[in-house]
């Protein structure tokens, strides 16, 4: 199953990549002790951890929403042909992402809204594609919603020194600026209502402009949390940041707040990079949280 329905909104998972990301848990999540991973190994393997190499597995995927007659994409992955000298896993990919999008009935010109939860390398790549030697918007009729705080932070002209260092090199130039120059961006700040079902709000910590998309439709609730979590171990260990969080203290506070909201509102928690079933319901477990149940998407490890 690739599509589920939440109230009046349909949600489809479109995969770009699933597999190892060349980091062990100790590297990816330096604040999460090895015994935590050992305690959860029985269900982390194979969707979230390779049992032999101890390399973390992750997904690069786009969430496709159909809401109030519009087609909306949440995050656009890595993209093809992008030069990423300091992120070799993502450099010069050639995937069939647009073909997979077509298989679920969406052509680039059909997309109405693109949401970038933040502007890291693996969330904006398909914003653009090559037209000859020029990067142009992949989705020519879409409004691209970008958090202004991240737009300003990652703009090389502003001279910021991010924790990610050169890992985001070329990203603003080939995947953000061309969309802005084409007049397709809407840079939002304090929050943005997309329609009656969907709202964007700031969720800083991972990056200055990190954001979440909340879905409220009928009795159903979901929250798309981007890189608030990279791995479900962070549900059990909410204070464990990834090594990519620009503001570690802010990231912990935001993660706990949103995990609490999801638990209290029976909302489906939808991070950007979970393999397996891709999303989960969570519940409170003292000062921590636990997985109440998984979304009904077919796990990537079970797909042909």
Protein backbone atom coordinates (compact mmCIF):
# COMPACT_ATOMS: atom_id res chain seq x y z
CA UNK A 1 0.00 0.00 0.00
CA UNK A 2 1.41 3.37 -1.05
CA UNK A 3 -1.65 5.56 -0.33
CA UNK A 4 -3.76 6.15 2.76
CA UNK A 5 -6.63 8.54 3.45
CA UNK A 6 -6.75 10.95 6.39
CA UNK A 7 -10.07 12.74 6.54
CA UNK A 8 -10.48 14.49 3.19
CA UNK A 9 -6.80 14.22 2.31
CA UNK A 10 -5.07 11.36 0.51
CA UNK A 11 -1.41 10.74 1.26
CA UNK A 12 0.95 8.84 -1.04
CA UNK A 13 4.56 7.92 -0.35
CA UNK A 14 6.92 8.31 -3.33
CA UNK A 15 10.37 6.82 -2.84
CA UNK A 16 13.60 8.21 -4.21
CA UNK A 17 16.11 6.12 -2.21
CA UNK A 18 16.14 3.53 0.56
CA UNK A 19 19.25 2.03 2.07
CA UNK A 20 22.46 2.76 3.98
CA UNK A 21 23.60 6.31 4.65
CA UNK A 22 27.22 5.42 5.52
CA UNK A 23 26.94 6.25 9.22
CA UNK A 24 26.78 4.07 12.30
CA UNK A 25 24.34 4.99 15.09
CA UNK A 26 27.22 6.38 17.15
CA UNK A 27 28.14 8.77 14.34
CA UNK A 28 24.62 9.72 13.26
CA UNK A 29 23.25 10.06 16.82
CA UNK A 30 26.22 10.77 19.08
CA UNK A 31 24.00 11.38 22.11
CA UNK A 32 22.31 7.97 21.86
CA UNK A 33 24.27 5.22 23.67
CA UNK A 34 24.97 1.90 21.96
CA UNK A 35 22.93 -0.04 24.51
CA UNK A 36 19.78 1.79 23.37
CA UNK A 37 20.27 0.49 19.84
CA UNK A 38 21.04 -2.99 21.14
CA UNK A 39 17.83 -2.97 23.19
CA UNK A 40 15.72 -2.19 20.11
CA UNK A 41 17.69 -4.24 17.58
CA UNK A 42 14.96 -6.87 17.13
CA UNK A 43 12.66 -4.41 15.33
CA UNK A 44 15.20 -1.91 13.99
CA UNK A 45 16.58 -4.55 11.60
CA UNK A 46 16.30 -4.41 8.60
CA UNK A 47 14.26 -1.23 8.03
CA UNK A 48 16.33 1.11 10.18
CA UNK A 49 19.63 -0.66 10.79
CA UNK A 50 21.83 -3.16 8.95
CA UNK A 51 22.57 -5.98 11.38
CA UNK A 52 25.96 -6.89 9.85
CA UNK A 53 27.49 -3.49 9.13
CA UNK A 54 25.66 -1.52 11.86
CA UNK A 55 25.06 1.20 9.29
CA UNK A 56 21.86 3.19 9.65
CA UNK A 57 19.27 2.69 6.91
CA UNK A 58 17.12 5.63 5.87
CA UNK A 59 14.65 6.64 3.18
CA UNK A 60 14.61 9.64 0.91
CA UNK A 61 10.97 10.13 -0.01
CA UNK A 62 8.40 12.72 -0.94
CA UNK A 63 4.97 12.84 0.62
CA UNK A 64 2.30 13.53 -2.02
CA UNK A 65 -0.92 15.05 -0.69
CA UNK A 66 -4.18 15.63 -2.52
CA UNK A 67 -6.17 18.22 -0.60
CA UNK A 68 -9.05 20.46 -1.71
CA UNK A 69 -8.41 19.65 -5.36
CA UNK A 70 -4.72 20.52 -5.25
CA UNK A 71 -1.58 18.40 -5.50
CA UNK A 72 1.00 19.14 -2.82
CA UNK A 73 4.50 17.71 -2.41
CA UNK A 74 6.24 17.67 0.97
CA UNK A 75 10.04 17.77 0.49
CA UNK A 76 11.71 16.93 -2.80
CA UNK A 77 14.63 14.70 -1.91
CA UNK A 78 18.08 14.78 -3.46
CA UNK A 79 17.43 15.19 -7.18
CA UNK A 80 19.37 14.05 -10.23
CA UNK A 81 22.70 15.27 -11.59
CA UNK A 82 23.44 17.45 -8.55
CA UNK A 83 27.13 17.95 -7.75
CA UNK A 84 27.57 17.27 -4.01
CA UNK A 85 31.33 17.07 -3.37
CA UNK A 86 30.95 16.91 0.41
CA UNK A 87 27.89 14.63 0.43
CA UNK A 88 29.09 11.78 -1.79
CA UNK A 89 26.10 9.54 -1.05
CA UNK A 90 23.89 12.12 -2.77
CA UNK A 91 26.22 13.29 -5.54
CA UNK A 92 25.16 12.97 -9.19
CA UNK A 93 22.29 10.55 -8.61
CA UNK A 94 20.23 9.23 -11.49
CA UNK A 95 16.97 7.90 -10.12
CA UNK A 96 13.54 7.35 -11.65
CA UNK A 97 11.78 9.65 -9.18
CA UNK A 98 9.76 11.53 -11.82
CA UNK A 99 8.72 8.22 -13.39
CA UNK A 100 7.55 7.01 -9.98
CA UNK A 101 5.61 10.25 -9.56
CA UNK A 102 4.01 9.63 -12.96
CA UNK A 103 3.00 6.13 -11.87
CA UNK A 104 0.79 7.65 -9.18
CA UNK A 105 -0.77 10.00 -11.72
CA UNK A 106 1.25 13.18 -11.27
CA UNK A 107 3.17 15.05 -13.96
CA UNK A 108 5.49 17.91 -12.98
CA UNK A 109 3.07 20.48 -14.42
CA UNK A 110 0.24 19.07 -12.27
CA UNK A 111 1.85 20.04 -8.96
CA UNK A 112 0.28 23.07 -7.28
CA UNK A 113 2.36 23.43 -4.12
CA UNK A 114 5.85 22.29 -3.07
CA UNK A 115 6.72 22.41 0.63
CA UNK A 116 10.35 22.39 1.72
CA UNK A 117 10.27 21.71 5.47
CA UNK A 118 13.86 23.01 5.54
CA UNK A 119 16.61 23.58 3.01
CA UNK A 120 19.05 20.72 3.53
CA UNK A 121 20.54 18.85 0.57
CA UNK A 122 18.09 15.91 0.83
CA UNK A 123 14.92 18.01 1.00
CA UNK A 124 15.17 20.36 -1.98
CA UNK A 125 16.89 18.42 -4.77
CA UNK A 126 13.94 17.91 -7.08
CA UNK A 127 12.98 21.57 -6.75
CA UNK A 128 14.94 21.95 -9.98
CA UNK A 129 16.07 19.93 -12.96
CA UNK A 130 18.47 20.54 -15.83
CA UNK A 131 17.24 22.26 -18.98
CA UNK A 132 20.33 22.15 -21.15
CA UNK A 133 22.90 23.71 -18.82
CA UNK A 134 20.39 25.66 -16.69
CA UNK A 135 18.65 24.66 -13.49
CA UNK A 136 14.93 25.40 -13.81
CA UNK A 137 11.92 24.65 -11.57
CA UNK A 138 10.91 21.01 -11.97
CA UNK A 139 7.31 21.88 -11.11
CA UNK A 140 6.72 24.94 -13.29
CA UNK A 141 3.21 25.78 -12.06
CA UNK A 142 3.83 25.24 -8.35
CA UNK A 143 4.26 27.71 -5.53
CA UNK A 144 7.29 26.65 -3.52
CA UNK A 145 6.79 27.29 0.20
CA UNK A 146 10.13 27.86 1.95
CA UNK A 147 10.78 29.06 5.50
CA UNK A 148 12.38 32.48 5.24
CA UNK A 149 14.67 31.78 8.20
CA UNK A 150 16.26 28.89 6.30
CA UNK A 151 16.34 30.81 3.03
CA UNK A 152 18.35 33.54 4.74
CA UNK A 153 20.54 31.11 6.71
CA UNK A 154 21.60 29.03 3.71
CA UNK A 155 22.04 31.95 1.32
CA UNK A 156 25.84 32.08 0.84
CA UNK A 157 25.67 35.86 0.48
CA UNK A 158 24.81 36.12 4.19
CA UNK A 159 28.01 34.44 5.34
CA UNK A 160 26.62 32.03 7.94
CA UNK A 161 28.80 29.16 9.14
CA UNK A 162 26.49 26.15 9.50
CA UNK A 163 27.23 23.05 11.55
CA UNK A 164 26.79 21.05 8.35
CA UNK A 165 29.80 22.90 6.97
CA UNK A 166 30.29 22.20 3.30
CA UNK A 167 27.74 19.36 3.31
CA UNK A 168 25.18 21.73 1.78
CA UNK A 169 27.58 23.13 -0.80
CA UNK A 170 25.93 24.06 -4.14
CA UNK A 171 22.44 23.37 -2.75
CA UNK A 172 21.26 26.97 -2.53
CA UNK A 173 22.71 27.76 -5.95
CA UNK A 174 21.20 24.84 -7.89
CA UNK A 175 18.04 23.96 -5.95
CA UNK A 176 16.81 27.12 -4.21
CA UNK A 177 17.97 30.25 -6.02
CA UNK A 178 16.70 29.20 -9.48
CA UNK A 179 13.19 28.73 -8.08
CA UNK A 180 13.30 32.09 -6.33
CA UNK A 181 14.64 33.84 -9.43
CA UNK A 182 11.79 32.31 -11.44
CA UNK A 183 9.30 33.98 -9.08
CA UNK A 184 7.91 30.67 -7.79
CA UNK A 185 8.72 30.97 -4.06
CA UNK A 186 6.67 32.13 -1.12
CA UNK A 187 8.96 32.80 1.84
CA UNK A 188 6.88 32.50 5.00
CA UNK A 189 7.84 33.41 8.58
CA UNK A 190 5.42 32.96 11.48
CA UNK A 191 3.16 30.31 9.98
CA UNK A 192 1.24 29.70 6.78
CA UNK A 193 -2.25 28.31 6.24
CA UNK A 194 -2.32 26.28 3.00
CA UNK A 195 -5.96 25.26 3.13
CA UNK A 196 -8.59 24.15 5.64
CA UNK A 197 -6.72 20.87 6.18
CA UNK A 198 -3.06 21.94 6.20
CA UNK A 199 -0.93 24.45 8.09
CA UNK A 200 2.81 25.15 8.26
CA UNK A 201 4.43 26.29 11.52
CA UNK A 202 8.00 26.97 12.64
CA UNK A 203 9.82 24.14 14.45
CA UNK A 204 13.38 25.47 14.82
CA UNK A 205 16.34 23.52 16.13
CA UNK A 206 17.44 21.15 13.41
CA UNK A 207 17.91 24.26 11.27
CA UNK A 208 16.85 27.84 12.07
CA UNK A 209 13.88 27.57 9.73
CA UNK A 210 12.86 23.95 10.24
CA UNK A 211 9.09 23.61 10.02
CA UNK A 212 6.28 21.13 10.45
CA UNK A 213 3.13 20.58 8.42
CA UNK A 214 0.04 19.75 10.46
CA UNK A 215 -2.89 17.95 8.87
CA UNK A 216 -6.28 18.23 10.56
CA UNK A 217 -9.23 16.81 8.67
CA UNK A 218 -12.37 15.39 10.25
CA UNK A 219 -11.25 13.27 13.18
CA UNK A 220 -7.83 12.53 11.66
CA UNK A 221 -4.57 14.22 12.64
CA UNK A 222 -1.04 13.97 11.28
CA UNK A 223 2.13 15.97 11.61
CA UNK A 224 4.92 15.94 9.03
CA UNK A 225 8.01 16.68 11.11
CA UNK A 226 10.80 16.70 8.53
CA UNK A 227 14.11 15.97 10.27
CA UNK A 228 12.80 16.37 13.80
CA UNK A 229 13.42 12.61 13.80
CA UNK A 230 15.68 10.64 11.48
CA UNK A 231 15.14 7.29 13.20
CA UNK A 232 12.41 5.86 15.46
CA UNK A 233 14.94 5.37 18.26
CA UNK A 234 14.48 9.10 18.85
CA UNK A 235 10.89 8.43 19.89
CA UNK A 236 12.22 6.40 22.80
CA UNK A 237 15.17 8.77 23.33
CA UNK A 238 13.71 12.22 22.55
CA UNK A 239 16.79 14.07 23.78
CA UNK A 240 19.04 12.34 21.24
CA UNK A 241 19.82 14.70 18.38
CA UNK A 242 21.28 13.80 15.05
CA UNK A 243 24.75 15.13 14.29
CA UNK A 244 23.16 17.63 11.87
CA UNK A 245 21.17 19.75 14.34
CA UNK A 246 22.27 23.40 14.21
CA UNK A 247 20.77 24.21 17.64
CA UNK A 248 20.91 21.06 19.80
CA UNK A 249 19.02 22.57 22.74
CA UNK A 250 16.30 23.95 20.50
CA UNK A 251 16.04 20.66 18.60
CA UNK A 252 15.45 18.69 21.81
CA UNK A 253 12.78 21.09 23.01
CA UNK A 254 10.99 21.09 19.65
CA UNK A 255 11.13 17.30 19.39
CA UNK A 256 9.63 16.81 22.85
CA UNK A 257 6.91 19.38 22.19
CA UNK A 258 5.82 17.81 18.93
CA UNK A 259 6.03 14.24 20.17
CA UNK A 260 3.79 15.32 23.03
CA UNK A 261 1.34 16.97 20.65
CA UNK A 262 1.22 13.87 18.45
CA UNK A 263 0.63 11.59 21.45
CA UNK A 264 -2.04 13.80 23.02
CA UNK A 265 -3.90 14.32 19.73
CA UNK A 266 -3.64 10.74 18.42
CA UNK A 267 -1.84 12.13 15.39
CA UNK A 268 0.19 10.13 12.91
CA UNK A 269 3.84 11.15 13.21
CA UNK A 270 5.41 11.39 9.74
CA UNK A 271 9.17 12.07 9.64
CA UNK A 272 10.99 12.61 6.37
CA UNK A 273 13.36 9.66 6.38
CA UNK A 274 11.77 6.62 8.01
CA UNK A 275 11.94 3.43 6.01
CA UNK A 276 9.71 0.57 7.04
CA UNK A 277 6.12 1.74 7.38
CA UNK A 278 7.27 5.35 7.14
CA UNK A 279 5.16 6.77 9.96
CA UNK A 280 3.87 5.85 13.40
CA UNK A 281 1.39 6.68 16.13
CA UNK A 282 3.09 7.49 19.42
CA UNK A 283 2.04 7.49 23.05
CA UNK A 284 3.49 8.85 26.26
CA UNK A 285 5.67 6.56 28.37
CA UNK A 286 6.53 8.53 31.49
CA UNK A 287 8.93 11.29 30.44
CA UNK A 288 9.54 9.54 27.15
CA UNK A 289 7.41 8.17 24.34
CA UNK A 290 6.70 4.84 22.71
CA UNK A 291 5.38 3.54 19.41
CA UNK A 292 1.68 2.75 19.65
CA UNK A 293 1.34 1.47 16.08
CA UNK A 294 2.75 1.83 12.58
CA UNK A 295 1.11 3.42 9.55
CA UNK A 296 -0.36 0.94 7.06
CA UNK A 297 2.16 1.67 4.29
CA UNK A 298 3.93 -1.39 2.92
CA UNK A 299 7.46 -1.50 4.38
CA UNK A 300 10.19 -0.88 1.82
CA UNK A 301 11.93 -4.09 2.94
CA UNK A 302 8.81 -6.06 1.95
CA UNK A 303 8.56 -4.51 -1.53
CA UNK A 304 9.93 -6.22 -4.60
